[in-house]
Amino acid sequence: RPVPSIIMQRLAPLARASLRRGAQRRSMSGGASIEEHAATAQKWKDISKFAAPVLLVLTAYNAKVHADHVAHEAHEHHDEEAPKYAYIAKRTKAFPFQCDCSYFDVKCWEACQKK
């Protein structure tokens, strides 16, 4: 016998048993009644009515704190030189390009290009 017919022969009793049960109603929502669904929906509406204003206040507070931080950084002077520590920018070999600047040091590159 070919393999597909053997498979069909073994699956046939399962198919017959499922058809004998008839068209049973399959509950996709866990078997709860309409009233239980309505109560659950109302519960989540009430939770949302409480949570939305709280989240809006927290979002507004966060935006204010962030705006204050950005405004404070705008007034600070970042032009001051950082301390030159021995372990920062330690080089044992020269870079393979024309300037002896680190790759992301924009000020050094601009000074090198002016030369």
PDB file of N, CA and C in Angstrom:
ATOM      1  N   ARG A   1       0.826  -1.197   0.000  1.00  0.00           N
ATOM      2  CA  ARG A   1       0.000   0.000   0.000  1.00  0.00           C
ATOM      3  C   ARG A   1       0.865   1.253   0.000  1.00  0.00           C
ATOM      4  N   PRO A   2       0.406   2.299  -0.682  1.00  0.00           N
ATOM      5  CA  PRO A   2       1.144   3.563  -0.627  1.00  0.00           C
ATOM      6  C   PRO A   2       0.986   4.215   0.755  1.00  0.00           C
ATOM      7  N   VAL A   3       1.941   5.008   1.105  1.00  0.00           N
ATOM      8  CA  VAL A   3       1.976   5.652   2.425  1.00  0.00           C
ATOM      9  C   VAL A   3       0.771   6.562   2.651  1.00  0.00           C
ATOM     10  N   PRO A   4       0.327   7.403   1.682  1.00  0.00           N
ATOM     11  CA  PRO A   4      -0.827   8.277   1.959  1.00  0.00           C
ATOM     12  C   PRO A   4      -2.084   7.505   2.338  1.00  0.00           C
ATOM     13  N   SER A   5      -2.308   6.348   1.743  1.00  0.00           N
ATOM     14  CA  SER A   5      -3.520   5.609   2.092  1.00  0.00           C
ATOM     15  C   SER A   5      -3.424   5.056   3.516  1.00  0.00           C
ATOM     16  N   ILE A   6      -2.234   4.685   3.957  1.00  0.00           N
ATOM     17  CA  ILE A   6      -2.059   4.210   5.334  1.00  0.00           C
ATOM     18  C   ILE A   6      -2.357   5.347   6.310  1.00  0.00           C
ATOM     19  N   ILE A   7      -1.891   6.524   5.980  1.00  0.00           N
ATOM     20  CA  ILE A   7      -2.148   7.679   6.841  1.00  0.00           C
ATOM     21  C   ILE A   7      -3.642   7.968   6.897  1.00  0.00           C
ATOM     22  N   MET A   8      -4.290   7.940   5.743  1.00  0.00           N
ATOM     23  CA  MET A   8      -5.731   8.206   5.695  1.00  0.00           C
ATOM     24  C   MET A   8      -6.502   7.141   6.484  1.00  0.00           C
ATOM     25  N   GLN A   9      -6.052   5.899   6.411  1.00  0.00           N
ATOM     26  CA  GLN A   9      -6.714   4.817   7.116  1.00  0.00           C
ATOM     27  C   GLN A   9      -6.618   5.041   8.630  1.00  0.00           C
ATOM     28  N   ARG A  10      -5.507   5.562   9.096  1.00  0.00           N
ATOM     29  CA  ARG A  10      -5.332   5.799  10.528  1.00  0.00           C
ATOM     30  C   ARG A  10      -6.077   7.049  10.991  1.00  0.00           C
ATOM     31  N   LEU A  11      -6.231   8.033  10.114  1.00  0.00           N
ATOM     32  CA  LEU A  11      -6.924   9.269  10.481  1.00  0.00           C
ATOM     33  C   LEU A  11      -8.437   9.168  10.345  1.00  0.00           C
ATOM     34  N   ALA A  12      -8.924   8.206   9.596  1.00  0.00           N
ATOM     35  CA  ALA A  12     -10.369   8.066   9.352  1.00  0.00           C
ATOM     36  C   ALA A  12     -11.163   7.898  10.644  1.00  0.00           C
ATOM     37  N   PRO A  13     -10.741   7.055  11.603  1.00  0.00           N
ATOM     38  CA  PRO A  13     -11.537   6.940  12.842  1.00  0.00           C
ATOM     39  C   PRO A  13     -11.632   8.269  13.602  1.00  0.00           C
ATOM     40  N   LEU A  14     -10.569   9.071  13.587  1.00  0.00           N
ATOM     41  CA  LEU A  14     -10.606  10.369  14.251  1.00  0.00           C
ATOM     42  C   LEU A  14     -11.607  11.296  13.584  1.00  0.00           C
ATOM     43  N   ALA A  15     -11.635  11.275  12.265  1.00  0.00           N
ATOM     44  CA  ALA A  15     -12.568  12.122  11.525  1.00  0.00           C
ATOM     45  C   ALA A  15     -14.000  11.687  11.796  1.00  0.00           C
ATOM     46  N   ARG A  16     -14.251  10.374  11.814  1.00  0.00           N
ATOM     47  CA  ARG A  16     -15.601   9.883  12.074  1.00  0.00           C
ATOM     48  C   ARG A  16     -16.059  10.266  13.485  1.00  0.00           C
ATOM     49  N   ALA A  17     -15.166  10.157  14.458  1.00  0.00           N
ATOM     50  CA  ALA A  17     -15.523  10.486  15.844  1.00  0.00           C
ATOM     51  C   ALA A  17     -15.849  11.969  15.986  1.00  0.00           C
ATOM     52  N   SER A  18     -15.101  12.822  15.322  1.00  0.00           N
ATOM     53  CA  SER A  18     -15.383  14.249  15.419  1.00  0.00           C
ATOM     54  C   SER A  18     -16.681  14.607  14.718  1.00  0.00           C
ATOM     55  N   LEU A  19     -17.024  13.909  13.640  1.00  0.00           N
ATOM     56  CA  LEU A  19     -18.283  14.174  12.956  1.00  0.00           C
ATOM     57  C   LEU A  19     -19.474  13.655  13.768  1.00  0.00           C
ATOM     58  N   ARG A  20     -19.295  12.540  14.520  1.00  0.00           N
ATOM     59  CA  ARG A  20     -20.357  11.984  15.329  1.00  0.00           C
ATOM     60  C   ARG A  20     -20.764  12.940  16.447  1.00  0.00           C
ATOM     61  N   ARG A  21     -19.810  13.719  16.950  1.00  0.00           N
ATOM     62  CA  ARG A  21     -20.116  14.648  18.023  1.00  0.00           C
ATOM     63  C   ARG A  21     -21.042  15.751  17.539  1.00  0.00           C
ATOM     64  N   GLY A  22     -21.116  15.913  16.249  1.00  0.00           N
ATOM     65  CA  GLY A  22     -21.980  16.944  15.695  1.00  0.00           C
ATOM     66  C   GLY A  22     -21.292  18.301  15.713  1.00  0.00           C
ATOM     67  N   ALA A  23     -22.053  19.273  15.361  1.00  0.00           N
ATOM     68  CA  ALA A  23     -21.501  20.631  15.316  1.00  0.00           C
ATOM     69  C   ALA A  23     -21.634  21.248  16.700  1.00  0.00           C
ATOM     70  N   GLN A  24     -20.729  20.883  17.584  1.00  0.00           N
ATOM     71  CA  GLN A  24     -20.748  21.466  18.917  1.00  0.00           C
ATOM     72  C   GLN A  24     -20.288  22.917  18.837  1.00  0.00           C
ATOM     73  N   ARG A  25     -20.886  23.720  19.684  1.00  0.00           N
ATOM     74  CA  ARG A  25     -20.508  25.130  19.686  1.00  0.00           C
ATOM     75  C   ARG A  25     -19.187  25.276  20.424  1.00  0.00           C
ATOM     76  N   ARG A  26     -18.235  25.879  19.765  1.00  0.00           N
ATOM     77  CA  ARG A  26     -16.917  26.061  20.347  1.00  0.00           C
ATOM     78  C   ARG A  26     -16.830  27.455  20.931  1.00  0.00           C
ATOM     79  N   SER A  27     -16.562  27.547  22.196  1.00  0.00           N
ATOM     80  CA  SER A  27     -16.525  28.837  22.874  1.00  0.00           C
ATOM     81  C   SER A  27     -15.118  29.412  22.810  1.00  0.00           C
ATOM     82  N   MET A  28     -14.962  30.482  22.051  1.00  0.00           N
ATOM     83  CA  MET A  28     -13.653  31.103  21.908  1.00  0.00           C
ATOM     84  C   MET A  28     -13.362  32.105  23.019  1.00  0.00           C
ATOM     85  N   SER A  29     -14.354  32.449  23.804  1.00  0.00           N
ATOM     86  CA  SER A  29     -14.160  33.488  24.802  1.00  0.00           C
ATOM     87  C   SER A  29     -14.138  32.939  26.221  1.00  0.00           C
ATOM     88  N   GLY A  30     -13.855  31.696  26.386  1.00  0.00           N
ATOM     89  CA  GLY A  30     -13.688  31.127  27.706  1.00  0.00           C
ATOM     90  C   GLY A  30     -14.967  30.690  28.378  1.00  0.00           C
ATOM     91  N   GLY A  31     -16.086  30.724  27.700  1.00  0.00           N
ATOM     92  CA  GLY A  31     -17.317  30.221  28.269  1.00  0.00           C
ATOM     93  C   GLY A  31     -18.044  31.196  29.176  1.00  0.00           C
ATOM     94  N   ALA A  32     -17.653  32.445  29.221  1.00  0.00           N
ATOM     95  CA  ALA A  32     -18.333  33.412  30.080  1.00  0.00           C
ATOM     96  C   ALA A  32     -19.624  33.864  29.421  1.00  0.00           C
ATOM     97  N   SER A  33     -20.546  34.314  30.242  1.00  0.00           N
ATOM     98  CA  SER A  33     -21.830  34.778  29.724  1.00  0.00           C
ATOM     99  C   SER A  33     -21.709  36.220  29.237  1.00  0.00           C
ATOM    100  N   ILE A  34     -22.750  36.686  28.590  1.00  0.00           N
ATOM    101  CA  ILE A  34     -22.777  38.060  28.082  1.00  0.00           C
ATOM    102  C   ILE A  34     -22.662  39.043  29.240  1.00  0.00           C
ATOM    103  N   GLU A  35     -23.323  38.755  30.361  1.00  0.00           N
ATOM    104  CA  GLU A  35     -23.274  39.646  31.519  1.00  0.00           C
ATOM    105  C   GLU A  35     -21.855  39.737  32.084  1.00  0.00           C
ATOM    106  N   GLU A  36     -21.157  38.603  32.118  1.00  0.00           N
ATOM    107  CA  GLU A  36     -19.773  38.617  32.611  1.00  0.00           C
ATOM    108  C   GLU A  36     -18.869  39.424  31.682  1.00  0.00           C
ATOM    109  N   HIS A  37     -19.102  39.301  30.387  1.00  0.00           N
ATOM    110  CA  HIS A  37     -18.321  40.097  29.434  1.00  0.00           C
ATOM    111  C   HIS A  37     -18.605  41.585  29.615  1.00  0.00           C
ATOM    112  N   ALA A  38     -19.857  41.945  29.811  1.00  0.00           N
ATOM    113  CA  ALA A  38     -20.221  43.347  30.004  1.00  0.00           C
ATOM    114  C   ALA A  38     -19.601  43.890  31.291  1.00  0.00           C
ATOM    115  N   ALA A  39     -19.600  43.076  32.357  1.00  0.00           N
ATOM    116  CA  ALA A  39     -19.002  43.512  33.626  1.00  0.00           C
ATOM    117  C   ALA A  39     -17.497  43.723  33.485  1.00  0.00           C
ATOM    118  N   THR A  40     -16.839  42.829  32.755  1.00  0.00           N
ATOM    119  CA  THR A  40     -15.399  42.962  32.538  1.00  0.00           C
ATOM    120  C   THR A  40     -15.091  44.194  31.700  1.00  0.00           C
ATOM    121  N   ALA A  41     -15.876  44.434  30.673  1.00  0.00           N
ATOM    122  CA  ALA A  41     -15.671  45.619  29.839  1.00  0.00           C
ATOM    123  C   ALA A  41     -15.855  46.896  30.660  1.00  0.00           C
ATOM    124  N   GLN A  42     -16.881  46.911  31.525  1.00  0.00           N
ATOM    125  CA  GLN A  42     -17.118  48.092  32.365  1.00  0.00           C
ATOM    126  C   GLN A  42     -15.982  48.292  33.358  1.00  0.00           C
ATOM    127  N   LYS A  43     -15.452  47.182  33.901  1.00  0.00           N
ATOM    128  CA  LYS A  43     -14.326  47.281  34.839  1.00  0.00           C
ATOM    129  C   LYS A  43     -13.132  47.946  34.171  1.00  0.00           C
ATOM    130  N   TRP A  44     -12.816  47.549  32.932  1.00  0.00           N
ATOM    131  CA  TRP A  44     -11.661  48.118  32.252  1.00  0.00           C
ATOM    132  C   TRP A  44     -11.913  49.556  31.811  1.00  0.00           C
ATOM    133  N   LYS A  45     -13.163  49.903  31.545  1.00  0.00           N
ATOM    134  CA  LYS A  45     -13.481  51.305  31.255  1.00  0.00           C
ATOM    135  C   LYS A  45     -13.237  52.159  32.492  1.00  0.00           C
ATOM    136  N   ASP A  46     -13.651  51.666  33.658  1.00  0.00           N
ATOM    137  CA  ASP A  46     -13.433  52.406  34.908  1.00  0.00           C
ATOM    138  C   ASP A  46     -11.948  52.546  35.221  1.00  0.00           C
ATOM    139  N   ILE A  47     -11.193  51.473  35.008  1.00  0.00           N
ATOM    140  CA  ILE A  47      -9.740  51.531  35.232  1.00  0.00           C
ATOM    141  C   ILE A  47      -9.103  52.555  34.292  1.00  0.00           C
ATOM    142  N   SER A  48      -9.539  52.583  33.046  1.00  0.00           N
ATOM    143  CA  SER A  48      -8.992  53.531  32.068  1.00  0.00           C
ATOM    144  C   SER A  48      -9.336  54.967  32.434  1.00  0.00           C
ATOM    145  N   LYS A  49     -10.556  55.193  32.950  1.00  0.00           N
ATOM    146  CA  LYS A  49     -10.947  56.547  33.356  1.00  0.00           C
ATOM    147  C   LYS A  49     -10.081  57.054  34.495  1.00  0.00           C
ATOM    148  N   PHE A  50      -9.622  56.165  35.355  1.00  0.00           N
ATOM    149  CA  PHE A  50      -8.730  56.561  36.441  1.00  0.00           C
ATOM    150  C   PHE A  50      -7.289  56.713  35.958  1.00  0.00           C
ATOM    151  N   ALA A  51      -6.837  55.780  35.131  1.00  0.00           N
ATOM    152  CA  ALA A  51      -5.421  55.745  34.739  1.00  0.00           C
ATOM    153  C   ALA A  51      -5.055  56.841  33.750  1.00  0.00           C
ATOM    154  N   ALA A  52      -5.950  57.202  32.853  1.00  0.00           N
ATOM    155  CA  ALA A  52      -5.615  58.190  31.815  1.00  0.00           C
ATOM    156  C   ALA A  52      -5.218  59.544  32.408  1.00  0.00           C
ATOM    157  N   PRO A  53      -5.980  60.122  33.339  1.00  0.00           N
ATOM    158  CA  PRO A  53      -5.547  61.410  33.904  1.00  0.00           C
ATOM    159  C   PRO A  53      -4.228  61.312  34.669  1.00  0.00           C
ATOM    160  N   VAL A  54      -4.039  60.217  35.388  1.00  0.00           N
ATOM    161  CA  VAL A  54      -2.786  60.044  36.131  1.00  0.00           C
ATOM    162  C   VAL A  54      -1.608  60.004  35.159  1.00  0.00           C
ATOM    163  N   LEU A  55      -1.753  59.261  34.077  1.00  0.00           N
ATOM    164  CA  LEU A  55      -0.674  59.158  33.090  1.00  0.00           C
ATOM    165  C   LEU A  55      -0.443  60.484  32.381  1.00  0.00           C
ATOM    166  N   LEU A  56      -1.506  61.238  32.132  1.00  0.00           N
ATOM    167  CA  LEU A  56      -1.332  62.559  31.517  1.00  0.00           C
ATOM    168  C   LEU A  56      -0.558  63.501  32.439  1.00  0.00           C
ATOM    169  N   VAL A  57      -0.846  63.464  33.727  1.00  0.00           N
ATOM    170  CA  VAL A  57      -0.115  64.310  34.681  1.00  0.00           C
ATOM    171  C   VAL A  57       1.350  63.896  34.735  1.00  0.00           C
ATOM    172  N   LEU A  58       1.614  62.610  34.784  1.00  0.00           N
ATOM    173  CA  LEU A  58       3.004  62.130  34.804  1.00  0.00           C
ATOM    174  C   LEU A  58       3.741  62.502  33.523  1.00  0.00           C
ATOM    175  N   THR A  59       3.067  62.434  32.383  1.00  0.00           N
ATOM    176  CA  THR A  59       3.687  62.812  31.113  1.00  0.00           C
ATOM    177  C   THR A  59       4.003  64.296  31.083  1.00  0.00           C
ATOM    178  N   ALA A  60       3.078  65.120  31.578  1.00  0.00           N
ATOM    179  CA  ALA A  60       3.319  66.565  31.618  1.00  0.00           C
ATOM    180  C   ALA A  60       4.485  66.893  32.546  1.00  0.00           C
ATOM    181  N   TYR A  61       4.541  66.231  33.702  1.00  0.00           N
ATOM    182  CA  TYR A  61       5.656  66.445  34.628  1.00  0.00           C
ATOM    183  C   TYR A  61       6.990  66.051  33.990  1.00  0.00           C
ATOM    184  N   ASN A  62       7.013  64.913  33.311  1.00  0.00           N
ATOM    185  CA  ASN A  62       8.231  64.450  32.656  1.00  0.00           C
ATOM    186  C   ASN A  62       8.667  65.432  31.564  1.00  0.00           C
ATOM    187  N   ALA A  63       7.705  65.957  30.801  1.00  0.00           N
ATOM    188  CA  ALA A  63       8.038  66.923  29.748  1.00  0.00           C
ATOM    189  C   ALA A  63       8.611  68.196  30.356  1.00  0.00           C
ATOM    190  N   LYS A  64       8.056  68.639  31.477  1.00  0.00           N
ATOM    191  CA  LYS A  64       8.551  69.855  32.138  1.00  0.00           C
ATOM    192  C   LYS A  64       9.970  69.644  32.649  1.00  0.00           C
ATOM    193  N   VAL A  65      10.214  68.516  33.298  1.00  0.00           N
ATOM    194  CA  VAL A  65      11.555  68.219  33.812  1.00  0.00           C
ATOM    195  C   VAL A  65      12.555  68.152  32.665  1.00  0.00           C
ATOM    196  N   HIS A  66      12.170  67.521  31.564  1.00  0.00           N
ATOM    197  CA  HIS A  66      13.066  67.412  30.414  1.00  0.00           C
ATOM    198  C   HIS A  66      13.340  68.795  29.815  1.00  0.00           C
ATOM    199  N   ALA A  67      12.305  69.634  29.696  1.00  0.00           N
ATOM    200  CA  ALA A  67      12.491  70.978  29.142  1.00  0.00           C
ATOM    201  C   ALA A  67      13.397  71.807  30.045  1.00  0.00           C
ATOM    202  N   ASP A  68      13.234  71.687  31.363  1.00  0.00           N
ATOM    203  CA  ASP A  68      14.110  72.411  32.288  1.00  0.00           C
ATOM    204  C   ASP A  68      15.550  71.951  32.149  1.00  0.00           C
ATOM    205  N   HIS A  69      15.742  70.658  31.973  1.00  0.00           N
ATOM    206  CA  HIS A  69      17.098  70.116  31.830  1.00  0.00           C
ATOM    207  C   HIS A  69      17.755  70.628  30.545  1.00  0.00           C
ATOM    208  N   VAL A  70      16.998  70.646  29.453  1.00  0.00           N
ATOM    209  CA  VAL A  70      17.537  71.128  28.179  1.00  0.00           C
ATOM    210  C   VAL A  70      17.873  72.615  28.278  1.00  0.00           C
ATOM    211  N   ALA A  71      16.999  73.386  28.929  1.00  0.00           N
ATOM    212  CA  ALA A  71      17.256  74.819  29.087  1.00  0.00           C
ATOM    213  C   ALA A  71      18.480  75.057  29.957  1.00  0.00           C
ATOM    214  N   HIS A  72      18.668  74.250  30.988  1.00  0.00           N
ATOM    215  CA  HIS A  72      19.842  74.394  31.851  1.00  0.00           C
ATOM    216  C   HIS A  72      21.129  74.071  31.096  1.00  0.00           C
ATOM    217  N   GLU A  73      21.087  73.027  30.277  1.00  0.00           N
ATOM    218  CA  GLU A  73      22.279  72.667  29.498  1.00  0.00           C
ATOM    219  C   GLU A  73      22.631  73.740  28.485  1.00  0.00           C
ATOM    220  N   ALA A  74      21.631  74.461  27.987  1.00  0.00           N
ATOM    221  CA  ALA A  74      21.898  75.516  27.005  1.00  0.00           C
ATOM    222  C   ALA A  74      22.682  76.661  27.633  1.00  0.00           C
ATOM    223  N   HIS A  75      22.518  76.882  28.934  1.00  0.00           N
ATOM    224  CA  HIS A  75      23.211  77.982  29.602  1.00  0.00           C
ATOM    225  C   HIS A  75      24.592  77.596  30.118  1.00  0.00           C
ATOM    226  N   GLU A  76      24.872  76.318  30.192  1.00  0.00           N
ATOM    227  CA  GLU A  76      26.183  75.901  30.678  1.00  0.00           C
ATOM    228  C   GLU A  76      27.237  76.150  29.609  1.00  0.00           C
ATOM    229  N   HIS A  77      28.449  76.315  30.075  1.00  0.00           N
ATOM    230  CA  HIS A  77      29.563  76.559  29.152  1.00  0.00           C
ATOM    231  C   HIS A  77      30.327  75.261  28.954  1.00  0.00           C
ATOM    232  N   HIS A  78      30.174  74.696  27.772  1.00  0.00           N
ATOM    233  CA  HIS A  78      30.856  73.439  27.461  1.00  0.00           C
ATOM    234  C   HIS A  78      32.151  73.680  26.698  1.00  0.00           C
ATOM    235  N   ASP A  79      32.549  74.943  26.584  1.00  0.00           N
ATOM    236  CA  ASP A  79      33.763  75.253  25.839  1.00  0.00           C
ATOM    237  C   ASP A  79      35.015  75.066  26.680  1.00  0.00           C
ATOM    238  N   GLU A  80      34.843  74.884  27.971  1.00  0.00           N
ATOM    239  CA  GLU A  80      36.000  74.728  28.838  1.00  0.00           C
ATOM    240  C   GLU A  80      36.719  73.428  28.513  1.00  0.00           C
ATOM    241  N   GLU A  81      38.020  73.482  28.593  1.00  0.00           N
ATOM    242  CA  GLU A  81      38.831  72.305  28.302  1.00  0.00           C
ATOM    243  C   GLU A  81      38.713  71.290  29.431  1.00  0.00           C
ATOM    244  N   ALA A  82      38.610  70.040  29.064  1.00  0.00           N
ATOM    245  CA  ALA A  82      38.597  68.964  30.049  1.00  0.00           C
ATOM    246  C   ALA A  82      40.019  68.737  30.535  1.00  0.00           C
ATOM    247  N   PRO A  83      40.190  68.245  31.743  1.00  0.00           N
ATOM    248  CA  PRO A  83      41.550  67.991  32.242  1.00  0.00           C
ATOM    249  C   PRO A  83      42.266  66.966  31.374  1.00  0.00           C
ATOM    250  N   LYS A  84      43.553  67.157  31.198  1.00  0.00           N
ATOM    251  CA  LYS A  84      44.368  66.246  30.389  1.00  0.00           C
ATOM    252  C   LYS A  84      44.973  65.173  31.303  1.00  0.00           C
ATOM    253  N   TYR A  85      44.330  64.037  31.331  1.00  0.00           N
ATOM    254  CA  TYR A  85      44.842  62.930  32.122  1.00  0.00           C
ATOM    255  C   TYR A  85      45.797  62.092  31.271  1.00  0.00           C
ATOM    256  N   ALA A  86      46.716  61.411  31.919  1.00  0.00           N
ATOM    257  CA  ALA A  86      47.734  60.643  31.198  1.00  0.00           C
ATOM    258  C   ALA A  86      47.125  59.468  30.435  1.00  0.00           C
ATOM    259  N   TYR A  87      46.034  58.921  30.894  1.00  0.00           N
ATOM    260  CA  TYR A  87      45.451  57.742  30.250  1.00  0.00           C
ATOM    261  C   TYR A  87      44.468  58.101  29.139  1.00  0.00           C
ATOM    262  N   ILE A  88      44.135  59.379  28.961  1.00  0.00           N
ATOM    263  CA  ILE A  88      43.227  59.784  27.891  1.00  0.00           C
ATOM    264  C   ILE A  88      44.049  60.086  26.642  1.00  0.00           C
ATOM    265  N   ALA A  89      43.592  59.590  25.496  1.00  0.00           N
ATOM    266  CA  ALA A  89      44.240  59.807  24.196  1.00  0.00           C
ATOM    267  C   ALA A  89      45.712  59.381  24.221  1.00  0.00           C
ATOM    268  N   LYS A  90      45.975  58.251  24.821  1.00  0.00           N
ATOM    269  CA  LYS A  90      47.336  57.716  24.851  1.00  0.00           C
ATOM    270  C   LYS A  90      47.618  57.092  23.493  1.00  0.00           C
ATOM    271  N   ARG A  91      48.679  57.551  22.846  1.00  0.00           N
ATOM    272  CA  ARG A  91      49.015  57.035  21.513  1.00  0.00           C
ATOM    273  C   ARG A  91      50.445  56.504  21.502  1.00  0.00           C
ATOM    274  N   THR A  92      50.573  55.314  20.979  1.00  0.00           N
ATOM    275  CA  THR A  92      51.911  54.743  20.824  1.00  0.00           C
ATOM    276  C   THR A  92      52.335  54.766  19.369  1.00  0.00           C
ATOM    277  N   LYS A  93      51.362  54.922  18.448  1.00  0.00           N
ATOM    278  CA  LYS A  93      51.657  55.001  17.019  1.00  0.00           C
ATOM    279  C   LYS A  93      50.920  56.197  16.435  1.00  0.00           C
ATOM    280  N   ALA A  94      51.436  56.712  15.347  1.00  0.00           N
ATOM    281  CA  ALA A  94      50.766  57.820  14.664  1.00  0.00           C
ATOM    282  C   ALA A  94      49.573  57.281  13.884  1.00  0.00           C
ATOM    283  N   PHE A  95      48.578  58.137  13.676  1.00  0.00           N
ATOM    284  CA  PHE A  95      47.430  57.738  12.875  1.00  0.00           C
ATOM    285  C   PHE A  95      47.827  57.637  11.406  1.00  0.00           C
ATOM    286  N   PRO A  96      47.158  56.787  10.621  1.00  0.00           N
ATOM    287  CA  PRO A  96      47.537  56.612   9.215  1.00  0.00           C
ATOM    288  C   PRO A  96      47.048  57.731   8.295  1.00  0.00           C
ATOM    289  N   PHE A  97      46.385  58.750   8.798  1.00  0.00           N
ATOM    290  CA  PHE A  97      45.957  59.857   7.960  1.00  0.00           C
ATOM    291  C   PHE A  97      46.772  61.091   8.305  1.00  0.00           C
ATOM    292  N   GLN A  98      46.578  62.167   7.570  1.00  0.00           N
ATOM    293  CA  GLN A  98      47.490  63.312   7.627  1.00  0.00           C
ATOM    294  C   GLN A  98      47.509  64.027   8.971  1.00  0.00           C
ATOM    295  N   CYS A  99      46.401  64.095   9.687  1.00  0.00           N
ATOM    296  CA  CYS A  99      46.361  64.805  10.961  1.00  0.00           C
ATOM    297  C   CYS A  99      46.531  63.827  12.114  1.00  0.00           C
ATOM    298  N   ASP A 100      47.103  64.314  13.184  1.00  0.00           N
ATOM    299  CA  ASP A 100      47.283  63.477  14.367  1.00  0.00           C
ATOM    300  C   ASP A 100      46.142  63.743  15.341  1.00  0.00           C
ATOM    301  N   CYS A 101      44.917  63.600  14.836  1.00  0.00           N
ATOM    302  CA  CYS A 101      43.718  63.842  15.632  1.00  0.00           C
ATOM    303  C   CYS A 101      42.957  62.533  15.778  1.00  0.00           C
ATOM    304  N   SER A 102      42.252  62.415  16.878  1.00  0.00           N
ATOM    305  CA  SER A 102      41.384  61.249  16.973  1.00  0.00           C
ATOM    306  C   SER A 102      40.251  61.415  15.963  1.00  0.00           C
ATOM    307  N   TYR A 103      39.615  60.327  15.622  1.00  0.00           N
ATOM    308  CA  TYR A 103      38.682  60.326  14.507  1.00  0.00           C
ATOM    309  C   TYR A 103      37.481  61.237  14.727  1.00  0.00           C
ATOM    310  N   PHE A 104      37.019  61.402  15.957  1.00  0.00           N
ATOM    311  CA  PHE A 104      35.830  62.195  16.232  1.00  0.00           C
ATOM    312  C   PHE A 104      36.144  63.548  16.865  1.00  0.00           C
ATOM    313  N   ASP A 105      37.372  63.969  16.893  1.00  0.00           N
ATOM    314  CA  ASP A 105      37.752  65.261  17.467  1.00  0.00           C
ATOM    315  C   ASP A 105      37.617  66.337  16.391  1.00  0.00           C
ATOM    316  N   VAL A 106      36.436  66.965  16.328  1.00  0.00           N
ATOM    317  CA  VAL A 106      36.106  67.903  15.253  1.00  0.00           C
ATOM    318  C   VAL A 106      36.979  69.142  15.309  1.00  0.00           C
ATOM    319  N   LYS A 107      37.210  69.664  16.509  1.00  0.00           N
ATOM    320  CA  LYS A 107      38.028  70.890  16.637  1.00  0.00           C
ATOM    321  C   LYS A 107      39.446  70.659  16.133  1.00  0.00           C
ATOM    322  N   CYS A 108      40.014  69.534  16.452  1.00  0.00           N
ATOM    323  CA  CYS A 108      41.370  69.220  15.997  1.00  0.00           C
ATOM    324  C   CYS A 108      41.413  69.093  14.482  1.00  0.00           C
ATOM    325  N   TRP A 109      40.388  68.456  13.896  1.00  0.00           N
ATOM    326  CA  TRP A 109      40.352  68.302  12.442  1.00  0.00           C
ATOM    327  C   TRP A 109      40.228  69.659  11.750  1.00  0.00           C
ATOM    328  N   GLU A 110      39.395  70.542  12.309  1.00  0.00           N
ATOM    329  CA  GLU A 110      39.249  71.877  11.706  1.00  0.00           C
ATOM    330  C   GLU A 110      40.562  72.639  11.777  1.00  0.00           C
ATOM    331  N   ALA A 111      41.272  72.545  12.901  1.00  0.00           N
ATOM    332  CA  ALA A 111      42.569  73.224  13.024  1.00  0.00           C
ATOM    333  C   ALA A 111      43.574  72.636  12.067  1.00  0.00           C
ATOM    334  N   CYS A 112      43.533  71.329  11.881  1.00  0.00           N
ATOM    335  CA  CYS A 112      44.467  70.670  10.965  1.00  0.00           C
ATOM    336  C   CYS A 112      44.184  71.053   9.510  1.00  0.00           C
ATOM    337  N   GLN A 113      42.915  71.183   9.157  1.00  0.00           N
ATOM    338  CA  GLN A 113      42.555  71.532   7.785  1.00  0.00           C
ATOM    339  C   GLN A 113      42.939  72.972   7.453  1.00  0.00           C
ATOM    340  N   LYS A 114      42.958  73.869   8.455  1.00  0.00           N
ATOM    341  CA  LYS A 114      43.337  75.269   8.229  1.00  0.00           C
ATOM    342  C   LYS A 114      44.816  75.426   7.961  1.00  0.00           C
ATOM    343  N   LYS A 115      45.616  74.472   8.432  1.00  0.00           N
ATOM    344  CA  LYS A 115      47.084  74.554   8.251  1.00  0.00           C
ATOM    345  C   LYS A 115      47.474  74.362   6.815  1.00  0.00           C
TER     346      LYS A 115
END
